[in-house]
Amino acid sequence: MAQCESLQEKWCYSLKHVRKLNELPDGLRVRTFERLFEACEIARFSPEKKLQYESDMITERDYYNILETAKEDGEARGREAGLMEGEAKGIGKVAKAMLASGMPVEQIASLTGLSAEEIGNL
């Protein structure tokens, strides 16, 4: 491995010796070769272990997708609640201004959709 200087030489060494390697040599400790080594380790699994690994990966992907979907749903609900709260505050602010200008409660209720009781609580 010490004689490998170029990336091409490192690839050739890796592919030639991957079956014999129990661990990655220091000169190949970069993400690309680590991934190659991991893939080769998985390829060497027994059929039973490979089946269990694939099952575990499916479970992990399903779990990740469930979390992502829940996150997206939560964000959508939060945005919706925030918009509704903002709209209610805006209507309340306008209704207060209408009251301050002397507009009759019935007319404010008609224009804002608030009840007379809600307007009275402003």
PDB file of N, CA and C in Angstrom:
ATOM      1  N   MET A   1       0.828  -1.200   0.000  1.00  0.00           N
ATOM      2  CA  MET A   1       0.000   0.000   0.000  1.00  0.00           C
ATOM      3  C   MET A   1       0.862   1.250   0.000  1.00  0.00           C
ATOM      4  N   ALA A   2       2.041   1.183   0.602  1.00  0.00           N
ATOM      5  CA  ALA A   2       2.910   2.359   0.695  1.00  0.00           C
ATOM      6  C   ALA A   2       3.335   2.870  -0.679  1.00  0.00           C
ATOM      7  N   GLN A   3       3.425   1.981  -1.675  1.00  0.00           N
ATOM      8  CA  GLN A   3       3.866   2.378  -3.012  1.00  0.00           C
ATOM      9  C   GLN A   3       2.751   3.034  -3.829  1.00  0.00           C
ATOM     10  N   CYS A   4       1.520   2.997  -3.336  1.00  0.00           N
ATOM     11  CA  CYS A   4       0.389   3.597  -4.058  1.00  0.00           C
ATOM     12  C   CYS A   4       0.359   5.098  -3.788  1.00  0.00           C
ATOM     13  N   GLU A   5       0.526   5.861  -4.856  1.00  0.00           N
ATOM     14  CA  GLU A   5       0.535   7.310  -4.692  1.00  0.00           C
ATOM     15  C   GLU A   5      -0.673   7.962  -5.347  1.00  0.00           C
ATOM     16  N   SER A   6      -0.998   7.536  -6.546  1.00  0.00           N
ATOM     17  CA  SER A   6      -2.114   8.164  -7.254  1.00  0.00           C
ATOM     18  C   SER A   6      -3.437   7.511  -6.837  1.00  0.00           C
ATOM     19  N   LEU A   7      -4.490   8.226  -7.110  1.00  0.00           N
ATOM     20  CA  LEU A   7      -5.828   7.702  -6.810  1.00  0.00           C
ATOM     21  C   LEU A   7      -6.089   6.423  -7.604  1.00  0.00           C
ATOM     22  N   GLN A   8      -5.634   6.390  -8.834  1.00  0.00           N
ATOM     23  CA  GLN A   8      -5.808   5.205  -9.676  1.00  0.00           C
ATOM     24  C   GLN A   8      -5.096   4.001  -9.052  1.00  0.00           C
ATOM     25  N   GLU A   9      -3.905   4.196  -8.563  1.00  0.00           N
ATOM     26  CA  GLU A   9      -3.162   3.104  -7.928  1.00  0.00           C
ATOM     27  C   GLU A   9      -3.873   2.619  -6.664  1.00  0.00           C
ATOM     28  N   LYS A  10      -4.434   3.549  -5.932  1.00  0.00           N
ATOM     29  CA  LYS A  10      -5.159   3.185  -4.704  1.00  0.00           C
ATOM     30  C   LYS A  10      -6.407   2.360  -5.029  1.00  0.00           C
ATOM     31  N   TRP A  11      -7.090   2.748  -6.110  1.00  0.00           N
ATOM     32  CA  TRP A  11      -8.269   1.981  -6.525  1.00  0.00           C
ATOM     33  C   TRP A  11      -7.864   0.568  -6.949  1.00  0.00           C
ATOM     34  N   CYS A  12      -6.816   0.477  -7.723  1.00  0.00           N
ATOM     35  CA  CYS A  12      -6.350  -0.842  -8.178  1.00  0.00           C
ATOM     36  C   CYS A  12      -5.956  -1.714  -6.994  1.00  0.00           C
ATOM     37  N   TYR A  13      -5.249  -1.139  -6.050  1.00  0.00           N
ATOM     38  CA  TYR A  13      -4.853  -1.884  -4.853  1.00  0.00           C
ATOM     39  C   TYR A  13      -6.093  -2.340  -4.076  1.00  0.00           C
ATOM     40  N   SER A  14      -7.033  -1.434  -3.899  1.00  0.00           N
ATOM     41  CA  SER A  14      -8.255  -1.743  -3.143  1.00  0.00           C
ATOM     42  C   SER A  14      -9.031  -2.883  -3.772  1.00  0.00           C
ATOM     43  N   LEU A  15      -9.240  -2.787  -5.062  1.00  0.00           N
ATOM     44  CA  LEU A  15     -10.029  -3.812  -5.743  1.00  0.00           C
ATOM     45  C   LEU A  15      -9.309  -5.159  -5.793  1.00  0.00           C
ATOM     46  N   LYS A  16      -7.989  -5.107  -5.890  1.00  0.00           N
ATOM     47  CA  LYS A  16      -7.212  -6.346  -5.951  1.00  0.00           C
ATOM     48  C   LYS A  16      -7.159  -7.050  -4.594  1.00  0.00           C
ATOM     49  N   HIS A  17      -7.085  -6.296  -3.512  1.00  0.00           N
ATOM     50  CA  HIS A  17      -6.876  -6.874  -2.190  1.00  0.00           C
ATOM     51  C   HIS A  17      -8.094  -6.841  -1.269  1.00  0.00           C
ATOM     52  N   VAL A  18      -9.212  -6.380  -1.735  1.00  0.00           N
ATOM     53  CA  VAL A  18     -10.377  -6.189  -0.866  1.00  0.00           C
ATOM     54  C   VAL A  18     -10.810  -7.486  -0.162  1.00  0.00           C
ATOM     55  N   ARG A  19     -10.654  -8.624  -0.815  1.00  0.00           N
ATOM     56  CA  ARG A  19     -11.052  -9.909  -0.202  1.00  0.00           C
ATOM     57  C   ARG A  19     -10.136 -10.290   0.954  1.00  0.00           C
ATOM     58  N   LYS A  20      -8.893  -9.824   0.933  1.00  0.00           N
ATOM     59  CA  LYS A  20      -7.904 -10.197   1.952  1.00  0.00           C
ATOM     60  C   LYS A  20      -7.880  -9.216   3.124  1.00  0.00           C
ATOM     61  N   LEU A  21      -8.405  -8.030   2.930  1.00  0.00           N
ATOM     62  CA  LEU A  21      -8.295  -6.985   3.951  1.00  0.00           C
ATOM     63  C   LEU A  21      -9.286  -7.211   5.093  1.00  0.00           C
ATOM     64  N   ASN A  22      -8.772  -7.195   6.317  1.00  0.00           N
ATOM     65  CA  ASN A  22      -9.641  -7.263   7.498  1.00  0.00           C
ATOM     66  C   ASN A  22      -9.987  -5.870   7.993  1.00  0.00           C
ATOM     67  N   GLU A  23      -9.140  -4.932   7.645  1.00  0.00           N
ATOM     68  CA  GLU A  23      -9.417  -3.532   7.952  1.00  0.00           C
ATOM     69  C   GLU A  23      -8.784  -2.667   6.884  1.00  0.00           C
ATOM     70  N   LEU A  24      -9.218  -1.441   6.827  1.00  0.00           N
ATOM     71  CA  LEU A  24      -8.763  -0.512   5.798  1.00  0.00           C
ATOM     72  C   LEU A  24      -7.366   0.020   6.145  1.00  0.00           C
ATOM     73  N   PRO A  25      -6.404  -0.061   5.215  1.00  0.00           N
ATOM     74  CA  PRO A  25      -5.067   0.495   5.465  1.00  0.00           C
ATOM     75  C   PRO A  25      -5.135   2.018   5.636  1.00  0.00           C
ATOM     76  N   ASP A  26      -4.177   2.573   6.347  1.00  0.00           N
ATOM     77  CA  ASP A  26      -4.165   4.014   6.624  1.00  0.00           C
ATOM     78  C   ASP A  26      -4.230   4.865   5.359  1.00  0.00           C
ATOM     79  N   GLY A  27      -3.554   4.461   4.298  1.00  0.00           N
ATOM     80  CA  GLY A  27      -3.537   5.234   3.059  1.00  0.00           C
ATOM     81  C   GLY A  27      -4.883   5.287   2.355  1.00  0.00           C
ATOM     82  N   LEU A  28      -5.823   4.454   2.781  1.00  0.00           N
ATOM     83  CA  LEU A  28      -7.147   4.420   2.143  1.00  0.00           C
ATOM     84  C   LEU A  28      -8.249   4.946   3.070  1.00  0.00           C
ATOM     85  N   ARG A  29      -7.875   5.571   4.145  1.00  0.00           N
ATOM     86  CA  ARG A  29      -8.868   6.052   5.106  1.00  0.00           C
ATOM     87  C   ARG A  29      -9.474   7.390   4.654  1.00  0.00           C
ATOM     88  N   VAL A  30     -10.199   7.313   3.557  1.00  0.00           N
ATOM     89  CA  VAL A  30     -11.008   8.432   3.074  1.00  0.00           C
ATOM     90  C   VAL A  30     -12.404   7.883   2.830  1.00  0.00           C
ATOM     91  N   ARG A  31     -13.369   8.730   2.813  1.00  0.00           N
ATOM     92  CA  ARG A  31     -14.773   8.298   2.769  1.00  0.00           C
ATOM     93  C   ARG A  31     -15.072   7.354   1.600  1.00  0.00           C
ATOM     94  N   THR A  32     -14.512   7.604   0.436  1.00  0.00           N
ATOM     95  CA  THR A  32     -14.789   6.767  -0.736  1.00  0.00           C
ATOM     96  C   THR A  32     -14.382   5.316  -0.491  1.00  0.00           C
ATOM     97  N   PHE A  33     -13.182   5.115   0.008  1.00  0.00           N
ATOM     98  CA  PHE A  33     -12.699   3.754   0.237  1.00  0.00           C
ATOM     99  C   PHE A  33     -13.360   3.127   1.464  1.00  0.00           C
ATOM    100  N   GLU A  34     -13.725   3.951   2.436  1.00  0.00           N
ATOM    101  CA  GLU A  34     -14.464   3.423   3.599  1.00  0.00           C
ATOM    102  C   GLU A  34     -15.805   2.855   3.146  1.00  0.00           C
ATOM    103  N   ARG A  35     -16.470   3.557   2.241  1.00  0.00           N
ATOM    104  CA  ARG A  35     -17.758   3.074   1.723  1.00  0.00           C
ATOM    105  C   ARG A  35     -17.584   1.786   0.923  1.00  0.00           C
ATOM    106  N   LEU A  36     -16.514   1.719   0.123  1.00  0.00           N
ATOM    107  CA  LEU A  36     -16.216   0.501  -0.631  1.00  0.00           C
ATOM    108  C   LEU A  36     -16.000  -0.663   0.331  1.00  0.00           C
ATOM    109  N   PHE A  37     -15.221  -0.439   1.378  1.00  0.00           N
ATOM    110  CA  PHE A  37     -14.921  -1.471   2.356  1.00  0.00           C
ATOM    111  C   PHE A  37     -16.199  -1.935   3.064  1.00  0.00           C
ATOM    112  N   GLU A  38     -17.074  -0.979   3.434  1.00  0.00           N
ATOM    113  CA  GLU A  38     -18.352  -1.325   4.076  1.00  0.00           C
ATOM    114  C   GLU A  38     -19.214  -2.177   3.146  1.00  0.00           C
ATOM    115  N   ALA A  39     -19.274  -1.794   1.872  1.00  0.00           N
ATOM    116  CA  ALA A  39     -20.071  -2.551   0.897  1.00  0.00           C
ATOM    117  C   ALA A  39     -19.527  -3.971   0.744  1.00  0.00           C
ATOM    118  N   CYS A  40     -18.216  -4.099   0.747  1.00  0.00           N
ATOM    119  CA  CYS A  40     -17.610  -5.433   0.624  1.00  0.00           C
ATOM    120  C   CYS A  40     -17.874  -6.275   1.865  1.00  0.00           C
ATOM    121  N   GLU A  41     -17.873  -5.650   3.025  1.00  0.00           N
ATOM    122  CA  GLU A  41     -18.191  -6.386   4.255  1.00  0.00           C
ATOM    123  C   GLU A  41     -19.621  -6.927   4.190  1.00  0.00           C
ATOM    124  N   ILE A  42     -20.544  -6.122   3.708  1.00  0.00           N
ATOM    125  CA  ILE A  42     -21.941  -6.545   3.589  1.00  0.00           C
ATOM    126  C   ILE A  42     -22.056  -7.673   2.569  1.00  0.00           C
ATOM    127  N   ALA A  43     -21.305  -7.566   1.486  1.00  0.00           N
ATOM    128  CA  ALA A  43     -21.351  -8.596   0.446  1.00  0.00           C
ATOM    129  C   ALA A  43     -20.859  -9.948   0.968  1.00  0.00           C
ATOM    130  N   ARG A  44     -20.005  -9.924   1.995  1.00  0.00           N
ATOM    131  CA  ARG A  44     -19.473 -11.171   2.563  1.00  0.00           C
ATOM    132  C   ARG A  44     -20.391 -11.792   3.617  1.00  0.00           C
ATOM    133  N   PHE A  45     -21.502 -11.154   3.917  1.00  0.00           N
ATOM    134  CA  PHE A  45     -22.431 -11.709   4.912  1.00  0.00           C
ATOM    135  C   PHE A  45     -22.938 -13.074   4.454  1.00  0.00           C
ATOM    136  N   SER A  46     -23.257 -13.907   5.422  1.00  0.00           N
ATOM    137  CA  SER A  46     -23.920 -15.179   5.107  1.00  0.00           C
ATOM    138  C   SER A  46     -25.325 -14.850   4.614  1.00  0.00           C
ATOM    139  N   PRO A  47     -25.979 -15.782   3.919  1.00  0.00           N
ATOM    140  CA  PRO A  47     -27.334 -15.499   3.432  1.00  0.00           C
ATOM    141  C   PRO A  47     -28.293 -15.099   4.552  1.00  0.00           C
ATOM    142  N   GLU A  48     -28.189 -15.738   5.711  1.00  0.00           N
ATOM    143  CA  GLU A  48     -29.076 -15.410   6.825  1.00  0.00           C
ATOM    144  C   GLU A  48     -28.801 -14.004   7.351  1.00  0.00           C
ATOM    145  N   LYS A  49     -27.509 -13.694   7.516  1.00  0.00           N
ATOM    146  CA  LYS A  49     -27.136 -12.378   8.025  1.00  0.00           C
ATOM    147  C   LYS A  49     -27.493 -11.286   7.023  1.00  0.00           C
ATOM    148  N   LYS A  50     -27.336 -11.594   5.726  1.00  0.00           N
ATOM    149  CA  LYS A  50     -27.681 -10.629   4.686  1.00  0.00           C
ATOM    150  C   LYS A  50     -29.188 -10.343   4.703  1.00  0.00           C
ATOM    151  N   LEU A  51     -29.994 -11.393   4.870  1.00  0.00           N
ATOM    152  CA  LEU A  51     -31.448 -11.233   4.944  1.00  0.00           C
ATOM    153  C   LEU A  51     -31.832 -10.380   6.149  1.00  0.00           C
ATOM    154  N   GLN A  52     -31.184 -10.629   7.290  1.00  0.00           N
ATOM    155  CA  GLN A  52     -31.457  -9.839   8.497  1.00  0.00           C
ATOM    156  C   GLN A  52     -31.040  -8.385   8.302  1.00  0.00           C
ATOM    157  N   TYR A  53     -29.885  -8.178   7.656  1.00  0.00           N
ATOM    158  CA  TYR A  53     -29.397  -6.821   7.380  1.00  0.00           C
ATOM    159  C   TYR A  53     -30.395  -6.074   6.496  1.00  0.00           C
ATOM    160  N   GLU A  54     -30.851  -6.707   5.438  1.00  0.00           N
ATOM    161  CA  GLU A  54     -31.805  -6.063   4.530  1.00  0.00           C
ATOM    162  C   GLU A  54     -33.112  -5.749   5.245  1.00  0.00           C
ATOM    163  N   SER A  55     -33.554  -6.667   6.088  1.00  0.00           N
ATOM    164  CA  SER A  55     -34.771  -6.433   6.868  1.00  0.00           C
ATOM    165  C   SER A  55     -34.591  -5.237   7.796  1.00  0.00           C
ATOM    166  N   ASP A  56     -33.434  -5.170   8.457  1.00  0.00           N
ATOM    167  CA  ASP A  56     -33.149  -4.050   9.350  1.00  0.00           C
ATOM    168  C   ASP A  56     -33.106  -2.729   8.585  1.00  0.00           C
ATOM    169  N   MET A  57     -32.536  -2.745   7.394  1.00  0.00           N
ATOM    170  CA  MET A  57     -32.460  -1.525   6.587  1.00  0.00           C
ATOM    171  C   MET A  57     -33.850  -1.060   6.152  1.00  0.00           C
ATOM    172  N   ILE A  58     -34.715  -1.999   5.795  1.00  0.00           N
ATOM    173  CA  ILE A  58     -36.089  -1.656   5.425  1.00  0.00           C
ATOM    174  C   ILE A  58     -36.795  -1.029   6.619  1.00  0.00           C
ATOM    175  N   THR A  59     -36.621  -1.628   7.799  1.00  0.00           N
ATOM    176  CA  THR A  59     -37.235  -1.094   9.019  1.00  0.00           C
ATOM    177  C   THR A  59     -36.720   0.315   9.297  1.00  0.00           C
ATOM    178  N   GLU A  60     -35.412   0.504   9.145  1.00  0.00           N
ATOM    179  CA  GLU A  60     -34.825   1.823   9.389  1.00  0.00           C
ATOM    180  C   GLU A  60     -35.361   2.865   8.417  1.00  0.00           C
ATOM    181  N   ARG A  61     -35.466   2.502   7.144  1.00  0.00           N
ATOM    182  CA  ARG A  61     -36.015   3.436   6.147  1.00  0.00           C
ATOM    183  C   ARG A  61     -37.476   3.760   6.446  1.00  0.00           C
ATOM    184  N   ASP A  62     -38.250   2.738   6.823  1.00  0.00           N
ATOM    185  CA  ASP A  62     -39.652   2.963   7.175  1.00  0.00           C
ATOM    186  C   ASP A  62     -39.762   3.917   8.361  1.00  0.00           C
ATOM    187  N   TYR A  63     -38.939   3.695   9.380  1.00  0.00           N
ATOM    188  CA  TYR A  63     -38.951   4.541  10.565  1.00  0.00           C
ATOM    189  C   TYR A  63     -38.590   5.981  10.194  1.00  0.00           C
ATOM    190  N   TYR A  64     -37.573   6.153   9.369  1.00  0.00           N
ATOM    191  CA  TYR A  64     -37.164   7.482   8.921  1.00  0.00           C
ATOM    192  C   TYR A  64     -38.316   8.162   8.173  1.00  0.00           C
ATOM    193  N   ASN A  65     -38.975   7.432   7.274  1.00  0.00           N
ATOM    194  CA  ASN A  65     -40.089   8.007   6.518  1.00  0.00           C
ATOM    195  C   ASN A  65     -41.253   8.376   7.419  1.00  0.00           C
ATOM    196  N   ILE A  66     -41.519   7.559   8.442  1.00  0.00           N
ATOM    197  CA  ILE A  66     -42.586   7.884   9.400  1.00  0.00           C
ATOM    198  C   ILE A  66     -42.254   9.186  10.118  1.00  0.00           C
ATOM    199  N   LEU A  67     -41.005   9.328  10.567  1.00  0.00           N
ATOM    200  CA  LEU A  67     -40.595  10.547  11.268  1.00  0.00           C
ATOM    201  C   LEU A  67     -40.687  11.772  10.358  1.00  0.00           C
ATOM    202  N   GLU A  68     -40.229  11.631   9.118  1.00  0.00           N
ATOM    203  CA  GLU A  68     -40.288  12.756   8.189  1.00  0.00           C
ATOM    204  C   GLU A  68     -41.731  13.171   7.896  1.00  0.00           C
ATOM    205  N   THR A  69     -42.607  12.189   7.719  1.00  0.00           N
ATOM    206  CA  THR A  69     -44.017  12.487   7.459  1.00  0.00           C
ATOM    207  C   THR A  69     -44.642  13.186   8.662  1.00  0.00           C
ATOM    208  N   ALA A  70     -44.340  12.691   9.865  1.00  0.00           N
ATOM    209  CA  ALA A  70     -44.869  13.313  11.081  1.00  0.00           C
ATOM    210  C   ALA A  70     -44.366  14.749  11.218  1.00  0.00           C
ATOM    211  N   LYS A  71     -43.101  14.963  10.887  1.00  0.00           N
ATOM    212  CA  LYS A  71     -42.516  16.300  10.958  1.00  0.00           C
ATOM    213  C   LYS A  71     -43.223  17.244   9.986  1.00  0.00           C
ATOM    214  N   GLU A  72     -43.418  16.775   8.756  1.00  0.00           N
ATOM    215  CA  GLU A  72     -44.091  17.607   7.748  1.00  0.00           C
ATOM    216  C   GLU A  72     -45.525  17.912   8.168  1.00  0.00           C
ATOM    217  N   ASP A  73     -46.235  16.905   8.708  1.00  0.00           N
ATOM    218  CA  ASP A  73     -47.602  17.123   9.180  1.00  0.00           C
ATOM    219  C   ASP A  73     -47.631  18.132  10.314  1.00  0.00           C
ATOM    220  N   GLY A  74     -46.697  18.008  11.242  1.00  0.00           N
ATOM    221  CA  GLY A  74     -46.617  18.934  12.374  1.00  0.00           C
ATOM    222  C   GLY A  74     -46.348  20.356  11.921  1.00  0.00           C
ATOM    223  N   GLU A  75     -45.442  20.504  10.963  1.00  0.00           N
ATOM    224  CA  GLU A  75     -45.133  21.829  10.443  1.00  0.00           C
ATOM    225  C   GLU A  75     -46.351  22.432   9.742  1.00  0.00           C
ATOM    226  N   ALA A  76     -47.067  21.628   8.977  1.00  0.00           N
ATOM    227  CA  ALA A  76     -48.257  22.122   8.282  1.00  0.00           C
ATOM    228  C   ALA A  76     -49.326  22.555   9.284  1.00  0.00           C
ATOM    229  N   ARG A  77     -49.518  21.749  10.325  1.00  0.00           N
ATOM    230  CA  ARG A  77     -50.507  22.119  11.353  1.00  0.00           C
ATOM    231  C   ARG A  77     -50.087  23.391  12.074  1.00  0.00           C
ATOM    232  N   GLY A  78     -48.805  23.516  12.348  1.00  0.00           N
ATOM    233  CA  GLY A  78     -48.297  24.713  13.017  1.00  0.00           C
ATOM    234  C   GLY A  78     -48.501  25.965  12.180  1.00  0.00           C
ATOM    235  N   ARG A  79     -48.218  25.858  10.882  1.00  0.00           N
ATOM    236  CA  ARG A  79     -48.435  27.003   9.994  1.00  0.00           C
ATOM    237  C   ARG A  79     -49.910  27.383   9.968  1.00  0.00           C
ATOM    238  N   GLU A  80     -50.773  26.379   9.861  1.00  0.00           N
ATOM    239  CA  GLU A  80     -52.215  26.635   9.810  1.00  0.00           C
ATOM    240  C   GLU A  80     -52.686  27.311  11.096  1.00  0.00           C
ATOM    241  N   ALA A  81     -52.236  26.795  12.248  1.00  0.00           N
ATOM    242  CA  ALA A  81     -52.632  27.387  13.524  1.00  0.00           C
ATOM    243  C   ALA A  81     -52.105  28.815  13.638  1.00  0.00           C
ATOM    244  N   GLY A  82     -50.879  29.029  13.180  1.00  0.00           N
ATOM    245  CA  GLY A  82     -50.293  30.370  13.227  1.00  0.00           C
ATOM    246  C   GLY A  82     -51.059  31.357  12.363  1.00  0.00           C
ATOM    247  N   LEU A  83     -51.461  30.920  11.177  1.00  0.00           N
ATOM    248  CA  LEU A  83     -52.240  31.792  10.297  1.00  0.00           C
ATOM    249  C   LEU A  83     -53.588  32.141  10.919  1.00  0.00           C
ATOM    250  N   MET A  84     -54.225  31.152  11.515  1.00  0.00           N
ATOM    251  CA  MET A  84     -55.533  31.397  12.152  1.00  0.00           C
ATOM    252  C   MET A  84     -55.384  32.362  13.329  1.00  0.00           C
ATOM    253  N   GLU A  85     -54.325  32.167  14.120  1.00  0.00           N
ATOM    254  CA  GLU A  85     -54.091  33.052  15.265  1.00  0.00           C
ATOM    255  C   GLU A  85     -53.806  34.482  14.795  1.00  0.00           C
ATOM    256  N   GLY A  86     -52.996  34.595  13.744  1.00  0.00           N
ATOM    257  CA  GLY A  86     -52.686  35.913  13.202  1.00  0.00           C
ATOM    258  C   GLY A  86     -53.919  36.608  12.650  1.00  0.00           C
ATOM    259  N   GLU A  87     -54.755  35.849  11.976  1.00  0.00           N
ATOM    260  CA  GLU A  87     -55.997  36.413  11.430  1.00  0.00           C
ATOM    261  C   GLU A  87     -56.892  36.902  12.560  1.00  0.00           C
ATOM    262  N   ALA A  88     -57.024  36.099  13.619  1.00  0.00           N
ATOM    263  CA  ALA A  88     -57.866  36.479  14.760  1.00  0.00           C
ATOM    264  C   ALA A  88     -57.331  37.743  15.423  1.00  0.00           C
ATOM    265  N   LYS A  89     -56.011  37.858  15.572  1.00  0.00           N
ATOM    266  CA  LYS A  89     -55.425  39.060  16.167  1.00  0.00           C
ATOM    267  C   LYS A  89     -55.691  40.284  15.295  1.00  0.00           C
ATOM    268  N   GLY A  90     -55.552  40.082  13.981  1.00  0.00           N
ATOM    269  CA  GLY A  90     -55.794  41.189  13.059  1.00  0.00           C
ATOM    270  C   GLY A  90     -57.240  41.669  13.111  1.00  0.00           C
ATOM    271  N   ILE A  91     -58.169  40.738  13.144  1.00  0.00           N
ATOM    272  CA  ILE A  91     -59.591  41.101  13.225  1.00  0.00           C
ATOM    273  C   ILE A  91     -59.858  41.834  14.538  1.00  0.00           C
ATOM    274  N   GLY A  92     -59.253  41.341  15.633  1.00  0.00           N
ATOM    275  CA  GLY A  92     -59.433  41.992  16.931  1.00  0.00           C
ATOM    276  C   GLY A  92     -58.894  43.410  16.928  1.00  0.00           C
ATOM    277  N   LYS A  93     -57.752  43.591  16.285  1.00  0.00           N
ATOM    278  CA  LYS A  93     -57.148  44.923  16.213  1.00  0.00           C
ATOM    279  C   LYS A  93     -58.038  45.891  15.432  1.00  0.00           C
ATOM    280  N   VAL A  94     -58.573  45.411  14.319  1.00  0.00           N
ATOM    281  CA  VAL A  94     -59.461  46.240  13.502  1.00  0.00           C
ATOM    282  C   VAL A  94     -60.747  46.553  14.271  1.00  0.00           C
ATOM    283  N   ALA A  95     -61.283  45.528  14.964  1.00  0.00           N
ATOM    284  CA  ALA A  95     -62.514  45.748  15.731  1.00  0.00           C
ATOM    285  C   ALA A  95     -62.284  46.776  16.836  1.00  0.00           C
ATOM    286  N   LYS A  96     -61.127  46.744  17.505  1.00  0.00           N
ATOM    287  CA  LYS A  96     -60.810  47.739  18.538  1.00  0.00           C
ATOM    288  C   LYS A  96     -60.770  49.139  17.942  1.00  0.00           C
ATOM    289  N   ALA A  97     -60.159  49.250  16.764  1.00  0.00           N
ATOM    290  CA  ALA A  97     -60.084  50.555  16.101  1.00  0.00           C
ATOM    291  C   ALA A  97     -61.472  51.046  15.727  1.00  0.00           C
ATOM    292  N   MET A  98     -62.335  50.130  15.283  1.00  0.00           N
ATOM    293  CA  MET A  98     -63.711  50.510  14.940  1.00  0.00           C
ATOM    294  C   MET A  98     -64.460  50.999  16.173  1.00  0.00           C
ATOM    295  N   LEU A  99     -64.284  50.280  17.287  1.00  0.00           N
ATOM    296  CA  LEU A  99     -64.918  50.695  18.543  1.00  0.00           C
ATOM    297  C   LEU A  99     -64.421  52.075  18.970  1.00  0.00           C
ATOM    298  N   ALA A 100     -63.104  52.274  18.865  1.00  0.00           N
ATOM    299  CA  ALA A 100     -62.514  53.548  19.267  1.00  0.00           C
ATOM    300  C   ALA A 100     -63.011  54.698  18.401  1.00  0.00           C
ATOM    301  N   SER A 101     -63.366  54.394  17.154  1.00  0.00           N
ATOM    302  CA  SER A 101     -63.864  55.446  16.272  1.00  0.00           C
ATOM    303  C   SER A 101     -65.347  55.722  16.479  1.00  0.00           C
ATOM    304  N   GLY A 102     -65.987  54.929  17.373  1.00  0.00           N
ATOM    305  CA  GLY A 102     -67.392  55.167  17.688  1.00  0.00           C
ATOM    306  C   GLY A 102     -68.371  54.375  16.835  1.00  0.00           C
ATOM    307  N   MET A 103     -67.931  53.429  16.082  1.00  0.00           N
ATOM    308  CA  MET A 103     -68.794  52.623  15.226  1.00  0.00           C
ATOM    309  C   MET A 103     -69.681  51.735  16.107  1.00  0.00           C
ATOM    310  N   PRO A 104     -70.961  51.575  15.745  1.00  0.00           N
ATOM    311  CA  PRO A 104     -71.879  50.741  16.529  1.00  0.00           C
ATOM    312  C   PRO A 104     -71.420  49.261  16.553  1.00  0.00           C
ATOM    313  N   VAL A 105     -71.628  48.604  17.695  1.00  0.00           N
ATOM    314  CA  VAL A 105     -71.221  47.208  17.896  1.00  0.00           C
ATOM    315  C   VAL A 105     -71.848  46.303  16.844  1.00  0.00           C
ATOM    316  N   GLU A 106     -73.108  46.534  16.507  1.00  0.00           N
ATOM    317  CA  GLU A 106     -73.784  45.694  15.518  1.00  0.00           C
ATOM    318  C   GLU A 106     -73.099  45.759  14.155  1.00  0.00           C
ATOM    319  N   GLN A 107     -72.667  46.939  13.787  1.00  0.00           N
ATOM    320  CA  GLN A 107     -71.996  47.115  12.504  1.00  0.00           C
ATOM    321  C   GLN A 107     -70.599  46.455  12.534  1.00  0.00           C
ATOM    322  N   ILE A 108     -69.888  46.589  13.653  1.00  0.00           N
ATOM    323  CA  ILE A 108     -68.578  45.954  13.797  1.00  0.00           C
ATOM    324  C   ILE A 108     -68.729  44.433  13.697  1.00  0.00           C
ATOM    325  N   ALA A 109     -69.753  43.903  14.369  1.00  0.00           N
ATOM    326  CA  ALA A 109     -70.007  42.460  14.339  1.00  0.00           C
ATOM    327  C   ALA A 109     -70.296  42.014  12.910  1.00  0.00           C
ATOM    328  N   SER A 110     -71.072  42.787  12.196  1.00  0.00           N
ATOM    329  CA  SER A 110     -71.431  42.455  10.820  1.00  0.00           C
ATOM    330  C   SER A 110     -70.194  42.451   9.913  1.00  0.00           C
ATOM    331  N   LEU A 111     -69.292  43.394  10.107  1.00  0.00           N
ATOM    332  CA  LEU A 111     -68.123  43.534   9.243  1.00  0.00           C
ATOM    333  C   LEU A 111     -66.998  42.552   9.594  1.00  0.00           C
ATOM    334  N   THR A 112     -66.845  42.226  10.892  1.00  0.00           N
ATOM    335  CA  THR A 112     -65.711  41.395  11.308  1.00  0.00           C
ATOM    336  C   THR A 112     -66.056  39.925  11.498  1.00  0.00           C
ATOM    337  N   GLY A 113     -67.346  39.641  11.701  1.00  0.00           N
ATOM    338  CA  GLY A 113     -67.737  38.264  11.982  1.00  0.00           C
ATOM    339  C   GLY A 113     -67.630  37.917  13.455  1.00  0.00           C
ATOM    340  N   LEU A 114     -67.252  38.896  14.282  1.00  0.00           N
ATOM    341  CA  LEU A 114     -67.191  38.675  15.728  1.00  0.00           C
ATOM    342  C   LEU A 114     -68.576  38.826  16.321  1.00  0.00           C
ATOM    343  N   SER A 115     -68.800  38.153  17.449  1.00  0.00           N
ATOM    344  CA  SER A 115     -70.071  38.309  18.141  1.00  0.00           C
ATOM    345  C   SER A 115     -70.033  39.592  18.980  1.00  0.00           C
ATOM    346  N   ALA A 116     -71.191  40.053  19.392  1.00  0.00           N
ATOM    347  CA  ALA A 116     -71.269  41.261  20.232  1.00  0.00           C
ATOM    348  C   ALA A 116     -70.504  41.023  21.539  1.00  0.00           C
ATOM    349  N   GLU A 117     -70.575  39.818  22.063  1.00  0.00           N
ATOM    350  CA  GLU A 117     -69.875  39.491  23.294  1.00  0.00           C
ATOM    351  C   GLU A 117     -68.354  39.566  23.097  1.00  0.00           C
ATOM    352  N   GLU A 118     -67.863  39.028  21.977  1.00  0.00           N
ATOM    353  CA  GLU A 118     -66.435  39.092  21.680  1.00  0.00           C
ATOM    354  C   GLU A 118     -65.972  40.541  21.543  1.00  0.00           C
ATOM    355  N   ILE A 119     -66.784  41.342  20.902  1.00  0.00           N
ATOM    356  CA  ILE A 119     -66.443  42.773  20.730  1.00  0.00           C
ATOM    357  C   ILE A 119     -66.442  43.457  22.092  1.00  0.00           C
ATOM    358  N   GLY A 120     -67.386  43.103  22.956  1.00  0.00           N
ATOM    359  CA  GLY A 120     -67.440  43.680  24.298  1.00  0.00           C
ATOM    360  C   GLY A 120     -66.210  43.312  25.122  1.00  0.00           C
ATOM    361  N   ASN A 121     -65.611  42.159  24.875  1.00  0.00           N
ATOM    362  CA  ASN A 121     -64.421  41.728  25.616  1.00  0.00           C
ATOM    363  C   ASN A 121     -63.135  42.390  25.133  1.00  0.00           C
ATOM    364  N   LEU A 122     -63.216  43.119  24.027  1.00  0.00           N
ATOM    365  CA  LEU A 122     -62.015  43.792  23.506  1.00  0.00           C
ATOM    366  C   LEU A 122     -61.753  44.977  24.374  1.00  0.00           C
TER     367      LEU A 122
END
